[in-house]
N, C-alpha and C. Protein backbone atom coordinates (compact mmCIF):
# COMPACT_ATOMS: atom_id res chain seq x y z
N MET A 1 -4.38 -0.98 18.08
CA MET A 1 -4.34 -1.80 16.73
C MET A 1 -2.93 -1.21 15.72
N ASN A 2 -2.62 -2.37 15.50
CA ASN A 2 -1.24 -2.35 14.59
C ASN A 2 -1.63 -1.45 13.41
N THR A 3 -0.51 -0.57 13.04
CA THR A 3 -0.77 0.27 11.64
C THR A 3 0.04 -0.21 10.78
N LEU A 4 -0.32 0.04 9.10
CA LEU A 4 0.49 -0.30 8.57
C LEU A 4 1.86 0.84 7.79
N TYR A 5 1.42 1.71 8.36
CA TYR A 5 2.78 3.00 8.26
C TYR A 5 2.78 3.70 9.65
N SER A 6 4.28 3.80 9.70
CA SER A 6 4.76 4.64 10.78
C SER A 6 4.49 6.02 11.40
N ASP A 7 4.32 6.79 10.26
CA ASP A 7 3.72 8.02 10.06
C ASP A 7 2.33 8.43 9.73
N THR A 8 1.61 7.43 10.15
CA THR A 8 0.24 7.42 10.02
C THR A 8 -0.36 7.27 11.72
N SER A 9 -1.11 7.77 12.35
CA SER A 9 -1.71 7.55 13.55
C SER A 9 -2.98 6.33 13.18
N PRO A 10 -2.86 5.76 14.20
CA PRO A 10 -4.10 4.35 13.78
C PRO A 10 -5.06 4.97 13.65
N GLU A 11 -5.87 6.28 14.45
CA GLU A 11 -7.21 6.59 14.10
C GLU A 11 -7.33 6.85 12.53
N ALA A 12 -6.45 7.65 11.96
CA ALA A 12 -6.02 8.35 10.62
C ALA A 12 -6.34 6.98 9.80
N GLU A 13 -5.27 6.24 10.06
CA GLU A 13 -5.30 5.09 9.09
C GLU A 13 -6.62 4.12 9.11
N ALA A 14 -7.50 4.28 9.88
CA ALA A 14 -8.41 3.59 10.14
C ALA A 14 -9.58 4.31 9.10
N LEU A 15 -9.45 5.96 9.70
CA LEU A 15 -10.10 6.43 8.55
C LEU A 15 -10.01 6.49 7.31
N GLN A 16 -8.53 6.32 7.03
CA GLN A 16 -8.48 6.06 5.06
C GLN A 16 -9.14 5.00 4.64
N ILE A 17 -8.32 3.54 5.64
CA ILE A 17 -9.19 2.46 5.47
C ILE A 17 -10.46 2.00 5.40
N GLU A 18 -11.47 2.79 6.00
CA GLU A 18 -13.13 2.83 5.27
C GLU A 18 -13.08 3.58 4.53
N LEU A 19 -12.69 4.98 3.91
CA LEU A 19 -13.01 5.30 2.82
C LEU A 19 -12.74 4.95 1.65
N ILE A 20 -11.61 3.87 1.89
CA ILE A 20 -11.09 3.29 0.48
C ILE A 20 -12.05 2.09 0.54
N ARG A 21 -12.52 1.18 1.68
CA ARG A 21 -14.00 0.43 1.62
C ARG A 21 -15.21 0.63 1.06
N GLN A 22 -15.24 2.22 1.36
CA GLN A 22 -16.57 2.78 0.72
C GLN A 22 -16.67 3.23 -0.75
N MET A 23 -15.21 3.10 -0.90
CA MET A 23 -15.58 3.76 -2.57
C MET A 23 -15.92 2.78 -3.43
N PRO A 24 -16.80 3.22 -4.57
CA PRO A 24 -16.98 2.12 -5.46
C PRO A 24 -16.06 1.48 -6.66
N PRO A 25 -16.42 0.32 -6.84
CA PRO A 25 -14.79 -0.11 -7.75
C PRO A 25 -14.73 0.76 -8.26
N TRP A 26 -15.48 1.20 -9.33
CA TRP A 26 -14.89 2.81 -10.24
C TRP A 26 -13.93 3.14 -10.02
N LYS A 27 -14.05 4.16 -8.78
CA LYS A 27 -13.51 5.10 -8.08
C LYS A 27 -12.18 4.34 -7.75
N LYS A 28 -12.00 3.31 -6.73
CA LYS A 28 -10.78 3.14 -6.96
C LYS A 28 -9.65 2.46 -8.18
N MET A 29 -10.37 1.90 -9.14
CA MET A 29 -9.60 2.03 -10.37
C MET A 29 -8.98 3.65 -10.90
N ALA A 30 -10.01 4.28 -10.90
CA ALA A 30 -9.47 5.79 -11.09
C ALA A 30 -8.39 6.50 -10.09
N VAL A 31 -8.33 5.72 -8.74
CA VAL A 31 -7.25 6.41 -8.02
C VAL A 31 -6.13 5.67 -8.20
N VAL A 32 -6.15 4.19 -8.77
CA VAL A 32 -4.59 3.51 -9.29
C VAL A 32 -4.51 3.91 -10.73
N GLU A 33 -5.25 4.36 -11.20
CA GLU A 33 -4.91 4.77 -12.82
C GLU A 33 -3.96 6.15 -12.76
N SER A 34 -4.55 6.91 -11.76
CA SER A 34 -3.62 8.39 -11.32
C SER A 34 -2.42 8.09 -11.01
N LEU A 35 -2.55 6.97 -9.66
CA LEU A 35 -1.17 7.01 -9.17
C LEU A 35 -0.38 6.07 -10.29
N ASN A 36 -0.71 5.54 -10.99
CA ASN A 36 0.16 4.67 -12.03
C ASN A 36 0.94 5.73 -12.60
N ALA A 37 -0.18 6.53 -13.67
CA ALA A 37 0.14 8.13 -13.93
C ALA A 37 1.31 8.67 -13.70
N THR A 38 1.01 9.05 -12.48
CA THR A 38 2.33 9.77 -11.31
C THR A 38 3.28 8.87 -11.45
N VAL A 39 3.50 7.88 -10.57
CA VAL A 39 4.90 7.23 -10.54
C VAL A 39 5.30 7.11 -11.98
N LYS A 40 4.90 6.91 -13.51
CA LYS A 40 5.00 6.77 -14.88
C LYS A 40 5.89 8.47 -14.93
N ALA A 41 5.15 9.22 -14.66
CA ALA A 41 5.60 10.94 -14.91
C ALA A 41 7.38 10.53 -14.13
N LEU A 42 6.77 10.50 -12.68
CA LEU A 42 7.86 10.66 -12.31
C LEU A 42 9.54 9.90 -12.83
N ALA A 43 8.96 8.58 -13.14
CA ALA A 43 10.32 7.63 -13.69
C ALA A 43 10.68 8.21 -15.17
N LEU A 44 9.78 9.09 -15.49
CA LEU A 44 10.37 9.41 -17.40
C LEU A 44 11.00 10.78 -16.85
N GLY A 45 10.81 11.45 -15.52
CA GLY A 45 11.34 12.48 -15.39
C GLY A 45 13.18 12.59 -14.93
N GLU A 46 12.68 11.48 -13.91
CA GLU A 46 14.09 10.68 -13.58
C GLU A 46 15.05 9.93 -14.77
N ILE A 47 14.67 9.75 -15.49
CA ILE A 47 15.26 9.04 -16.83
C ILE A 47 15.63 10.43 -17.82
N ARG A 48 15.12 11.26 -17.39
CA ARG A 48 15.21 12.81 -18.51
C ARG A 48 16.65 12.92 -18.03
N ARG A 49 16.70 13.67 -16.55
CA ARG A 49 17.41 13.95 -15.96
C ARG A 49 18.72 13.39 -15.77
N ARG A 50 18.76 12.04 -15.46
CA ARG A 50 20.02 11.37 -15.82
C ARG A 50 20.78 10.93 -17.33
N HIS A 51 19.23 11.29 -18.55
CA HIS A 51 20.13 11.11 -19.43
C HIS A 51 19.68 12.34 -20.30
N PRO A 52 20.27 13.80 -20.15
CA PRO A 52 19.21 14.81 -20.99
C PRO A 52 19.80 14.87 -22.24
N ASP A 53 20.55 14.63 -22.78
CA ASP A 53 21.08 14.38 -24.37
C ASP A 53 20.39 12.86 -25.16
N ALA A 54 19.21 12.10 -24.04
CA ALA A 54 18.86 11.19 -24.95
C ALA A 54 17.13 11.72 -25.55
N THR A 55 17.32 10.94 -26.68
CA THR A 55 15.77 11.46 -27.78
C THR A 55 15.23 10.74 -26.78
N PRO A 56 13.73 10.75 -27.55
CA PRO A 56 12.38 10.30 -27.10
C PRO A 56 12.05 8.80 -27.65
N ALA A 57 12.95 8.64 -28.22
CA ALA A 57 12.96 6.86 -28.69
C ALA A 57 14.01 6.41 -27.07
N GLN A 58 15.35 6.93 -26.99
CA GLN A 58 15.86 6.36 -25.86
C GLN A 58 15.06 6.35 -24.58
N ILE A 59 14.09 7.62 -24.61
CA ILE A 59 13.69 7.79 -23.30
C ILE A 59 12.85 6.49 -22.89
N ARG A 60 11.84 6.01 -24.28
CA ARG A 60 10.35 5.47 -24.06
C ARG A 60 11.43 4.12 -23.62
N ARG A 61 12.81 3.57 -24.23
CA ARG A 61 13.37 2.12 -24.44
C ARG A 61 13.94 2.20 -22.62
N LEU A 62 14.33 3.51 -22.21
CA LEU A 62 15.26 3.25 -20.90
C LEU A 62 14.14 3.35 -19.90
N TRP A 63 12.66 3.36 -20.36
CA TRP A 63 11.61 3.31 -19.30
C TRP A 63 10.76 1.79 -19.37
N ALA A 64 11.28 1.79 -20.87
CA ALA A 64 10.77 0.37 -20.89
C ALA A 64 11.11 -0.64 -20.22
N GLU A 65 12.81 -0.64 -20.15
CA GLU A 65 13.87 -1.40 -19.25
C GLU A 65 13.31 -1.48 -17.84
N ARG A 66 12.96 -0.24 -17.36
CA ARG A 66 12.97 0.01 -15.70
C ARG A 66 11.23 -0.58 -15.72
N ALA A 67 10.13 -0.62 -16.78
CA ALA A 67 8.97 -1.25 -16.69
C ALA A 67 8.79 -2.67 -16.53
N LEU A 68 9.50 -2.57 -17.85
CA LEU A 68 9.76 -4.51 -18.23
C LEU A 68 10.77 -5.45 -17.55
N GLY A 69 11.99 -4.82 -17.34
CA GLY A 69 12.91 -5.53 -17.53
C GLY A 69 13.55 -5.74 -18.40
N ALA A 70 14.86 -6.09 -18.45
CA ALA A 70 15.78 -5.83 -19.82
C ALA A 70 15.21 -6.79 -20.85
N GLU A 71 15.11 -7.72 -20.37
CA GLU A 71 15.05 -8.85 -21.28
C GLU A 71 13.71 -8.44 -22.18
N LEU A 72 12.54 -8.34 -21.65
CA LEU A 72 10.96 -8.22 -22.25
C LEU A 72 11.40 -6.74 -22.92
N ALA A 73 12.19 -5.74 -22.65
CA ALA A 73 12.11 -4.52 -23.30
C ALA A 73 12.76 -4.99 -24.58
N GLN A 74 14.10 -5.84 -24.19
CA GLN A 74 14.43 -6.23 -25.96
C GLN A 74 13.66 -6.99 -26.87
N LYS A 75 13.04 -7.74 -26.26
CA LYS A 75 12.20 -8.61 -26.95
C LYS A 75 11.03 -7.71 -28.02
N VAL A 76 10.67 -6.87 -26.71
CA VAL A 76 9.56 -5.80 -27.59
C VAL A 76 9.95 -4.38 -28.27
N TYR A 77 11.23 -3.89 -28.26
CA TYR A 77 11.56 -2.88 -28.55
C TYR A 77 13.03 -3.34 -29.53
N GLY A 78 13.55 -4.55 -29.51
CA GLY A 78 14.93 -4.74 -30.14
C GLY A 78 15.97 -3.70 -29.84
N ASP A 79 16.77 -2.63 -30.07
CA ASP A 79 18.41 -2.56 -30.16
C ASP A 79 17.83 -0.76 -30.42
N ALA A 80 16.46 -0.53 -30.16
CA ALA A 80 15.67 0.79 -30.99
C ALA A 80 16.12 1.68 -29.52
N GLY A 81 17.03 2.88 -30.06
CA GLY A 81 17.21 3.99 -29.03
C GLY A 81 18.42 3.67 -29.01
């Protein structure tokens, strides 16, 4: 069996896939929501680290550029920040 991840044994990966398949849809959505929140928190932390003097508005704008792209962030936020 081919694995998706080089750092995971085929047996462990098969078990992970089976557990995911058995999850009810609401649980899968909760897992995705949690992962999205973690990714956003990590991104915001990195923005704060790179821009220690940024205001909260500037941090939101920088995050929007990262999440939406510069063009869409400009349309949504204008020159805010």
